[in-house]
Amino acid sequence: MSIQSNYLESIKKQFLYYKTIGEKAMDQLEPEQLFNTVNEDTNSIAVIIKHLSGNMLSRWTNFLTTDGEKEWRIRDIEFEDSHLHGNDKAELMKLWDKGWDCFFNAINALTTDQLETIIYIRNEGHTVIEAINRQLAHYPYHIGQIVFYAKMLKQTEWSSLSIPKNKSNSYNADKFGKEKSIKNFTDDELNKLK
């Protein structure tokens, strides 16, 4: 497998990992908590989802042939609670999935020879690799916000999304007690990439 093929497989796994982390955090909340804000300068999880979805739809729709900042995108509205059509978690998750589906469809259609292609975001040229890496920094930034906010909002015990507090030694003992391996995703997780 070439470096370029390895890169494409690696980034698919990384983005799927962060998508999954965001979903596991949101699943621990009551639906109305997704719409909570602590002050007017803080985005609710719902607003963060609106922004991520808007960004994904803009960046990855026809991304090889059109600028990543589409004329139809109204970014400022993504940060307004008033356009959420009520506190409907199902509708919010459809928006989440719509953005991720657009992203994964674009990434899955890529071929290794397109990775050096120049595309534009706000009229600034990027290779496809640079554009992907830009989003690999951007999306986890916002997913980290979702996780942090979900932990603050959670009214009962939080189920850790990584190694739980004070469990590093037992976690490492378990890992080092096994043969060396390469991390693999389950078939269900890999099917989400297709």
Protein backbone atom coordinates (compact mmCIF):
# COMPACT_ATOMS: atom_id res chain seq x y z
CA MET A 1 0.00 0.00 0.00
CA SER A 2 1.37 3.43 -0.93
CA ILE A 3 1.92 6.30 1.48
CA GLN A 4 -0.98 8.14 -0.16
CA SER A 5 -3.31 5.15 0.32
CA ASN A 6 -2.17 4.83 3.91
CA TYR A 7 -2.85 8.55 4.39
CA LEU A 8 -6.41 8.25 3.06
CA GLU A 9 -7.19 5.24 5.25
CA SER A 10 -5.62 6.91 8.27
CA ILE A 11 -7.59 10.14 7.96
CA LYS A 12 -10.84 8.23 7.45
CA LYS A 13 -10.20 6.41 10.72
CA GLN A 14 -9.26 9.63 12.52
CA PHE A 15 -12.38 11.49 11.41
CA LEU A 16 -14.58 8.48 12.25
CA TYR A 17 -12.99 8.34 15.71
CA TYR A 18 -13.82 12.00 16.42
CA LYS A 19 -17.33 11.67 15.01
CA THR A 20 -17.89 8.67 17.29
CA ILE A 21 -16.50 10.50 20.35
CA GLY A 22 -18.89 13.39 19.73
CA GLU A 23 -21.85 11.02 19.43
CA LYS A 24 -20.92 9.10 22.59
CA ALA A 25 -20.72 12.38 24.50
CA MET A 26 -24.10 13.59 23.21
CA ASP A 27 -25.73 10.23 23.93
CA GLN A 28 -25.06 10.77 27.64
CA LEU A 29 -27.22 13.91 27.73
CA GLU A 30 -30.93 14.51 27.93
CA PRO A 31 -32.14 15.89 24.57
CA GLU A 32 -32.88 19.37 25.96
CA GLN A 33 -29.32 19.65 27.29
CA LEU A 34 -28.02 19.77 23.71
CA PHE A 35 -29.63 23.20 23.41
CA ASN A 36 -28.36 24.68 26.71
CA THR A 37 -26.03 27.66 26.90
CA VAL A 38 -24.43 29.13 29.98
CA ASN A 39 -24.25 32.69 28.61
CA GLU A 40 -24.73 34.59 25.37
CA ASP A 41 -21.08 34.13 24.37
CA THR A 42 -21.22 30.34 24.71
CA ASN A 43 -22.45 28.10 21.91
CA SER A 44 -24.78 25.26 22.77
CA ILE A 45 -23.89 21.81 21.49
CA ALA A 46 -26.70 22.28 18.97
CA VAL A 47 -25.08 25.44 17.63
CA ILE A 48 -21.72 23.69 17.37
CA ILE A 49 -23.43 20.94 15.36
CA LYS A 50 -25.04 23.54 13.07
CA HIS A 51 -21.63 25.10 12.48
CA LEU A 52 -19.87 21.78 11.84
CA SER A 53 -22.58 20.67 9.44
CA GLY A 54 -22.57 24.01 7.62
CA ASN A 55 -18.80 23.89 7.31
CA MET A 56 -18.80 20.30 6.05
CA LEU A 57 -21.52 20.92 3.48
CA SER A 58 -19.74 24.02 2.23
CA ARG A 59 -16.22 22.59 2.18
CA TRP A 60 -16.96 19.14 0.74
CA THR A 61 -19.76 19.70 -1.77
CA ASN A 62 -18.08 19.59 -5.21
CA PHE A 63 -14.85 20.44 -3.41
CA LEU A 64 -12.57 19.58 -6.34
CA THR A 65 -14.33 22.02 -8.67
CA THR A 66 -15.81 24.81 -6.52
CA ASP A 67 -14.52 27.03 -3.73
CA GLY A 68 -14.97 25.54 -0.26
CA GLU A 69 -16.79 28.65 0.95
CA LYS A 70 -20.00 28.33 -1.04
CA GLU A 71 -22.05 31.39 -1.94
CA TRP A 72 -25.15 29.73 -0.44
CA ARG A 73 -23.54 29.31 2.98
CA ILE A 74 -24.55 31.91 5.55
CA ARG A 75 -21.99 31.14 8.26
CA ASP A 76 -23.25 33.70 10.79
CA ILE A 77 -26.66 31.98 10.98
CA GLU A 78 -24.91 28.77 12.06
CA PHE A 79 -24.21 30.49 15.39
CA GLU A 80 -27.81 31.54 16.09
CA ASP A 81 -30.06 29.41 18.30
CA SER A 82 -33.18 30.83 16.67
CA HIS A 83 -32.74 28.70 13.55
CA LEU A 84 -32.84 25.32 15.29
CA HIS A 85 -36.56 24.56 14.74
CA GLY A 86 -37.20 23.87 18.41
CA ASN A 87 -35.34 21.52 20.69
CA ASP A 88 -35.64 18.46 18.46
CA LYS A 89 -32.71 16.06 18.98
CA ALA A 90 -33.72 13.86 16.02
CA GLU A 91 -33.65 16.84 13.66
CA LEU A 92 -30.35 17.97 15.13
CA MET A 93 -28.79 14.55 14.60
CA LYS A 94 -30.03 14.53 10.99
CA LEU A 95 -28.10 17.76 10.51
CA TRP A 96 -25.02 16.15 12.14
CA ASP A 97 -25.30 13.11 9.85
CA LYS A 98 -25.91 15.24 6.75
CA GLY A 99 -22.61 17.07 7.28
CA TRP A 100 -20.64 13.91 8.04
CA ASP A 101 -22.19 12.06 5.09
CA CYS A 102 -21.15 14.87 2.76
CA PHE A 103 -17.63 14.78 4.18
CA PHE A 104 -17.20 10.99 4.01
CA ASN A 105 -18.73 10.79 0.52
CA ALA A 106 -16.16 13.31 -0.69
CA ILE A 107 -13.25 11.59 1.05
CA ASN A 108 -14.30 8.12 -0.09
CA ALA A 109 -14.45 9.29 -3.71
CA LEU A 110 -10.87 10.59 -3.59
CA THR A 111 -8.10 8.82 -5.41
CA THR A 112 -4.47 9.02 -4.38
CA ASP A 113 -3.53 10.97 -7.51
CA GLN A 114 -5.94 13.76 -6.46
CA LEU A 115 -4.20 14.46 -3.13
CA GLU A 116 -1.89 17.07 -4.67
CA THR A 117 -4.70 18.75 -6.62
CA ILE A 118 -5.10 22.44 -5.77
CA ILE A 119 -8.52 23.38 -4.44
CA TYR A 120 -9.69 26.71 -3.07
CA ILE A 121 -11.16 27.79 0.26
CA ARG A 122 -12.14 31.46 0.34
CA ASN A 123 -10.13 31.93 -2.85
CA GLU A 124 -6.93 30.61 -1.21
CA GLY A 125 -5.28 27.61 -2.83
CA HIS A 126 -4.66 24.41 -0.84
CA THR A 127 -3.64 20.94 -1.90
CA VAL A 128 -6.32 18.39 -1.10
CA ILE A 129 -4.02 17.08 1.66
CA GLU A 130 -3.76 20.57 3.16
CA ALA A 131 -7.54 20.99 3.02
CA ILE A 132 -8.07 17.65 4.76
CA ASN A 133 -5.47 18.45 7.41
CA ARG A 134 -7.09 21.85 7.97
CA GLN A 135 -10.36 20.10 8.79
CA LEU A 136 -8.60 17.44 10.86
CA ALA A 137 -7.62 20.31 13.15
CA HIS A 138 -10.98 22.13 12.92
CA TYR A 139 -13.49 19.32 13.51
CA PRO A 140 -11.78 17.78 16.58
CA TYR A 141 -11.49 21.29 18.05
CA HIS A 142 -15.27 21.58 18.02
CA ILE A 143 -15.84 17.99 19.06
CA GLY A 144 -13.61 18.69 22.06
CA GLN A 145 -15.97 21.57 22.88
CA ILE A 146 -18.93 19.21 22.62
CA VAL A 147 -17.29 16.68 24.96
CA PHE A 148 -16.24 19.31 27.49
CA TYR A 149 -19.67 20.94 27.51
CA ALA A 150 -21.44 17.57 27.73
CA LYS A 151 -19.36 16.69 30.80
CA MET A 152 -20.37 20.00 32.41
CA LEU A 153 -24.05 19.46 31.62
CA LYS A 154 -24.22 15.83 32.68
CA GLN A 155 -26.29 15.55 35.85
CA THR A 156 -25.30 11.97 36.68
CA GLU A 157 -22.10 9.95 36.45
CA TRP A 158 -20.12 10.52 33.26
CA SER A 159 -19.09 7.45 31.24
CA SER A 160 -15.52 8.12 30.19
CA LEU A 161 -14.81 8.31 26.47
CA SER A 162 -11.15 7.45 26.97
CA ILE A 163 -9.13 6.10 29.90
CA PRO A 164 -11.14 6.88 33.06
CA LYS A 165 -9.58 8.91 35.88
CA ASN A 166 -7.17 6.93 38.05
CA LYS A 167 -7.34 3.95 35.67
CA SER A 168 -4.17 4.55 33.61
CA ASN A 169 -2.13 1.86 35.34
CA SER A 170 -4.72 -0.87 34.91
CA TYR A 171 -5.41 0.23 31.33
CA ASN A 172 -1.70 0.12 30.46
CA ALA A 173 -1.23 -3.22 32.23
CA ASP A 174 -4.03 -4.68 30.10
CA LYS A 175 -2.59 -3.23 26.87
CA PHE A 176 0.98 -4.32 27.58
CA GLY A 177 -0.23 -7.76 28.65
CA LYS A 178 -1.29 -8.46 25.05
CA GLU A 179 0.64 -9.06 21.84
CA LYS A 180 1.54 -5.99 19.78
CA SER A 181 -1.23 -5.15 17.34
CA ILE A 182 -2.43 -2.53 14.92
CA LYS A 183 -5.64 -0.75 15.95
CA ASN A 184 -8.52 -1.89 13.81
CA PHE A 185 -12.07 -0.66 13.64
CA THR A 186 -15.09 -2.94 13.83
CA ASP A 187 -16.94 -3.83 10.63
CA ASP A 188 -19.78 -1.47 11.67
CA GLU A 189 -17.34 1.40 12.11
CA LEU A 190 -15.65 0.69 8.78
CA ASN A 191 -19.04 0.50 7.03
CA LYS A 192 -19.72 4.05 8.20
CA LEU A 193 -16.70 5.13 6.17
CA LYS A 194 -18.19 3.80 2.94
